[in-house]
Amino acid sequence: MPVSPALPELHARIVTALTEERRDAKLRQLDLAKRLGWQQAYVSRYETSERMLAVDEFVAVARAIGVDPVALLAQVFHIDNYRTE
């Protein structure tokens, strides 16, 4: 059963950004999973929103892809003009 994040639209944008970065880096889910020491199914589950990534997992995934996690979050917030107000 999918985990329901508090801000599902934000979580979806973050996962989309991670997935796009993985694909741009020419990494398969299996390649990323091996870099992280995870099962490929774990990568699949967060990419399909069956599982929500914790903050430390987000950072690990971004770094394994070769992306600055802070810059990626800034991009997600900037592109969509996300506001917490």
N, C-alpha and C. Protein backbone atom coordinates (compact mmCIF):
# COMPACT_ATOMS: atom_id res chain seq x y z
N MET A 1 0.85 -1.18 0.00
CA MET A 1 0.00 0.00 0.00
C MET A 1 0.89 1.24 0.00
N PRO A 2 0.62 2.24 -0.85
CA PRO A 2 1.46 3.43 -0.93
C PRO A 2 1.43 4.23 0.37
N VAL A 3 2.58 4.80 0.67
CA VAL A 3 2.68 5.68 1.83
C VAL A 3 2.19 7.05 1.40
N SER A 4 1.39 7.70 2.23
CA SER A 4 0.84 9.00 1.90
C SER A 4 1.63 10.10 2.59
N PRO A 5 2.46 10.83 1.83
CA PRO A 5 3.22 11.91 2.45
C PRO A 5 2.31 13.09 2.81
N ALA A 6 2.78 13.92 3.72
CA ALA A 6 2.00 15.09 4.15
C ALA A 6 1.77 16.05 2.99
N LEU A 7 2.75 16.18 2.11
CA LEU A 7 2.64 17.05 0.94
C LEU A 7 2.86 16.21 -0.32
N PRO A 8 1.84 15.49 -0.76
CA PRO A 8 2.03 14.55 -1.87
C PRO A 8 2.52 15.21 -3.16
N GLU A 9 2.09 16.44 -3.44
CA GLU A 9 2.53 17.09 -4.68
C GLU A 9 4.01 17.43 -4.62
N LEU A 10 4.50 17.82 -3.45
CA LEU A 10 5.92 18.11 -3.30
C LEU A 10 6.73 16.83 -3.40
N HIS A 11 6.29 15.79 -2.74
CA HIS A 11 6.98 14.50 -2.81
C HIS A 11 7.04 14.02 -4.26
N ALA A 12 5.96 14.15 -4.99
CA ALA A 12 5.93 13.73 -6.40
C ALA A 12 6.94 14.51 -7.23
N ARG A 13 7.06 15.81 -6.99
CA ARG A 13 8.02 16.63 -7.75
C ARG A 13 9.46 16.22 -7.41
N ILE A 14 9.72 15.93 -6.15
CA ILE A 14 11.06 15.51 -5.75
C ILE A 14 11.42 14.18 -6.40
N VAL A 15 10.51 13.23 -6.37
CA VAL A 15 10.75 11.92 -6.97
C VAL A 15 10.93 12.05 -8.48
N THR A 16 10.13 12.89 -9.11
CA THR A 16 10.27 13.11 -10.55
C THR A 16 11.64 13.69 -10.87
N ALA A 17 12.09 14.65 -10.07
CA ALA A 17 13.40 15.25 -10.29
C ALA A 17 14.51 14.21 -10.12
N LEU A 18 14.43 13.39 -9.10
CA LEU A 18 15.43 12.33 -8.89
C LEU A 18 15.43 11.34 -10.05
N THR A 19 14.25 10.96 -10.49
CA THR A 19 14.15 9.99 -11.59
C THR A 19 14.72 10.57 -12.88
N GLU A 20 14.41 11.83 -13.17
CA GLU A 20 14.95 12.47 -14.37
C GLU A 20 16.47 12.58 -14.30
N GLU A 21 16.99 12.93 -13.13
CA GLU A 21 18.44 13.01 -12.97
C GLU A 21 19.09 11.64 -13.16
N ARG A 22 18.45 10.60 -12.64
CA ARG A 22 18.99 9.25 -12.82
C ARG A 22 19.05 8.89 -14.29
N ARG A 23 17.98 9.18 -15.00
CA ARG A 23 17.94 8.87 -16.43
C ARG A 23 18.94 9.70 -17.22
N ASP A 24 19.06 10.99 -16.86
CA ASP A 24 20.04 11.87 -17.54
C ASP A 24 21.47 11.37 -17.32
N ALA A 25 21.70 10.76 -16.16
CA ALA A 25 23.02 10.20 -15.85
C ALA A 25 23.23 8.84 -16.51
N LYS A 26 22.23 8.39 -17.27
CA LYS A 26 22.28 7.10 -17.98
C LYS A 26 22.44 5.93 -17.00
N LEU A 27 21.78 6.06 -15.86
CA LEU A 27 21.79 4.99 -14.87
C LEU A 27 20.46 4.25 -14.89
N ARG A 28 20.54 2.94 -14.87
CA ARG A 28 19.34 2.14 -14.70
C ARG A 28 19.03 2.07 -13.22
N GLN A 29 17.82 1.68 -12.88
CA GLN A 29 17.48 1.50 -11.47
C GLN A 29 18.45 0.53 -10.81
N LEU A 30 18.82 -0.51 -11.52
CA LEU A 30 19.74 -1.51 -10.98
C LEU A 30 21.11 -0.90 -10.70
N ASP A 31 21.59 -0.04 -11.59
CA ASP A 31 22.88 0.62 -11.39
C ASP A 31 22.85 1.48 -10.13
N LEU A 32 21.78 2.26 -9.98
CA LEU A 32 21.65 3.12 -8.81
C LEU A 32 21.55 2.28 -7.54
N ALA A 33 20.76 1.24 -7.60
CA ALA A 33 20.60 0.37 -6.43
C ALA A 33 21.95 -0.21 -6.00
N LYS A 34 22.76 -0.63 -6.94
CA LYS A 34 24.08 -1.19 -6.61
C LYS A 34 24.96 -0.13 -5.95
N ARG A 35 24.90 1.10 -6.44
CA ARG A 35 25.69 2.18 -5.84
C ARG A 35 25.28 2.43 -4.39
N LEU A 36 24.00 2.24 -4.12
CA LEU A 36 23.46 2.51 -2.79
C LEU A 36 23.51 1.30 -1.86
N GLY A 37 23.74 0.12 -2.43
CA GLY A 37 23.68 -1.11 -1.64
C GLY A 37 22.25 -1.52 -1.33
N TRP A 38 21.34 -1.13 -2.22
CA TRP A 38 19.92 -1.42 -2.06
C TRP A 38 19.49 -2.45 -3.09
N GLN A 39 18.30 -2.98 -2.93
CA GLN A 39 17.67 -3.82 -3.93
C GLN A 39 17.09 -2.91 -5.03
N GLN A 40 17.06 -3.38 -6.25
CA GLN A 40 16.48 -2.61 -7.36
C GLN A 40 15.01 -2.31 -7.08
N ALA A 41 14.32 -3.24 -6.45
CA ALA A 41 12.90 -3.05 -6.15
C ALA A 41 12.68 -1.84 -5.24
N TYR A 42 13.64 -1.55 -4.37
CA TYR A 42 13.52 -0.40 -3.47
C TYR A 42 13.52 0.90 -4.27
N VAL A 43 14.40 0.98 -5.27
CA VAL A 43 14.45 2.15 -6.14
C VAL A 43 13.13 2.26 -6.91
N SER A 44 12.67 1.15 -7.43
CA SER A 44 11.40 1.14 -8.16
C SER A 44 10.24 1.62 -7.30
N ARG A 45 10.22 1.17 -6.05
CA ARG A 45 9.10 1.53 -5.16
C ARG A 45 9.05 3.01 -4.86
N TYR A 46 10.21 3.66 -4.69
CA TYR A 46 10.11 5.10 -4.44
C TYR A 46 9.83 5.85 -5.73
N GLU A 47 10.33 5.36 -6.86
CA GLU A 47 10.06 6.04 -8.13
C GLU A 47 8.60 5.94 -8.55
N THR A 48 7.91 4.91 -8.10
CA THR A 48 6.49 4.76 -8.43
C THR A 48 5.59 5.19 -7.27
N SER A 49 6.20 5.85 -6.28
CA SER A 49 5.49 6.38 -5.11
C SER A 49 4.83 5.31 -4.25
N GLU A 50 5.32 4.09 -4.34
CA GLU A 50 4.85 3.05 -3.42
C GLU A 50 5.49 3.22 -2.06
N ARG A 51 6.59 3.94 -2.05
CA ARG A 51 7.33 4.16 -0.81
C ARG A 51 7.85 5.59 -0.81
N MET A 52 7.81 6.22 0.35
CA MET A 52 8.29 7.59 0.48
C MET A 52 9.75 7.58 0.94
N LEU A 53 10.56 8.42 0.34
CA LEU A 53 11.95 8.53 0.74
C LEU A 53 12.09 9.39 1.99
N ALA A 54 12.91 8.95 2.90
CA ALA A 54 13.27 9.77 4.05
C ALA A 54 14.33 10.78 3.60
N VAL A 55 14.55 11.80 4.39
CA VAL A 55 15.51 12.85 4.01
C VAL A 55 16.90 12.27 3.78
N ASP A 56 17.36 11.40 4.67
CA ASP A 56 18.69 10.83 4.50
C ASP A 56 18.78 9.96 3.25
N GLU A 57 17.69 9.30 2.90
CA GLU A 57 17.66 8.50 1.68
C GLU A 57 17.69 9.40 0.45
N PHE A 58 16.95 10.50 0.49
CA PHE A 58 16.98 11.46 -0.62
C PHE A 58 18.41 11.94 -0.86
N VAL A 59 19.10 12.31 0.21
CA VAL A 59 20.48 12.79 0.09
C VAL A 59 21.37 11.70 -0.50
N ALA A 60 21.23 10.48 -0.01
CA ALA A 60 22.04 9.36 -0.53
C ALA A 60 21.77 9.11 -2.00
N VAL A 61 20.51 9.14 -2.41
CA VAL A 61 20.17 8.91 -3.81
C VAL A 61 20.76 10.01 -4.69
N ALA A 62 20.55 11.25 -4.29
CA ALA A 62 21.08 12.37 -5.09
C ALA A 62 22.59 12.25 -5.26
N ARG A 63 23.28 11.98 -4.17
CA ARG A 63 24.74 11.85 -4.24
C ARG A 63 25.17 10.67 -5.10
N ALA A 64 24.44 9.55 -4.99
CA ALA A 64 24.77 8.37 -5.80
C ALA A 64 24.58 8.64 -7.29
N ILE A 65 23.64 9.51 -7.61
CA ILE A 65 23.41 9.89 -9.00
C ILE A 65 24.48 10.88 -9.47
N GLY A 66 25.05 11.62 -8.51
CA GLY A 66 26.05 12.63 -8.84
C GLY A 66 25.48 14.04 -8.86
N VAL A 67 24.40 14.22 -8.10
CA VAL A 67 23.70 15.51 -8.06
C VAL A 67 23.79 16.07 -6.65
N ASP A 68 23.94 17.38 -6.56
CA ASP A 68 23.94 18.05 -5.26
C ASP A 68 22.50 18.05 -4.74
N PRO A 69 22.23 17.42 -3.60
CA PRO A 69 20.85 17.35 -3.10
C PRO A 69 20.25 18.72 -2.80
N VAL A 70 21.05 19.64 -2.31
CA VAL A 70 20.54 20.98 -2.00
C VAL A 70 20.17 21.70 -3.29
N ALA A 71 21.01 21.61 -4.30
CA ALA A 71 20.72 22.24 -5.59
C ALA A 71 19.48 21.64 -6.23
N LEU A 72 19.32 20.32 -6.08
CA LEU A 72 18.14 19.66 -6.66
C LEU A 72 16.86 20.15 -5.98
N LEU A 73 16.89 20.26 -4.66
CA LEU A 73 15.71 20.77 -3.96
C LEU A 73 15.44 22.22 -4.34
N ALA A 74 16.48 23.01 -4.48
CA ALA A 74 16.29 24.41 -4.89
C ALA A 74 15.66 24.47 -6.27
N GLN A 75 16.07 23.58 -7.14
CA GLN A 75 15.49 23.52 -8.48
C GLN A 75 14.01 23.16 -8.40
N VAL A 76 13.67 22.18 -7.59
CA VAL A 76 12.27 21.77 -7.44
C VAL A 76 11.43 22.93 -6.94
N PHE A 77 11.92 23.63 -5.94
CA PHE A 77 11.18 24.77 -5.38
C PHE A 77 11.10 25.93 -6.37
N HIS A 78 12.17 26.22 -7.04
CA HIS A 78 12.20 27.36 -7.96
C HIS A 78 11.31 27.14 -9.18
N ILE A 79 11.43 26.01 -9.79
CA ILE A 79 10.67 25.74 -11.02
C ILE A 79 9.18 25.81 -10.78
N ASP A 80 8.74 25.27 -9.68
CA ASP A 80 7.31 25.21 -9.41
C ASP A 80 6.83 26.37 -8.53
N ASN A 81 7.73 27.27 -8.17
CA ASN A 81 7.36 28.40 -7.32
C ASN A 81 6.59 27.93 -6.09
N TYR A 82 7.06 26.85 -5.49
CA TYR A 82 6.41 26.27 -4.33
C TYR A 82 6.49 27.24 -3.15
N ARG A 83 5.40 27.46 -2.49
CA ARG A 83 5.37 28.36 -1.34
C ARG A 83 4.73 27.62 -0.16
N THR A 84 5.26 27.85 1.02
CA THR A 84 4.73 27.20 2.21
C THR A 84 3.72 28.10 2.93
N GLU A 85 3.42 29.25 2.37
CA GLU A 85 2.49 30.21 3.01
C GLU A 85 1.06 29.77 2.86
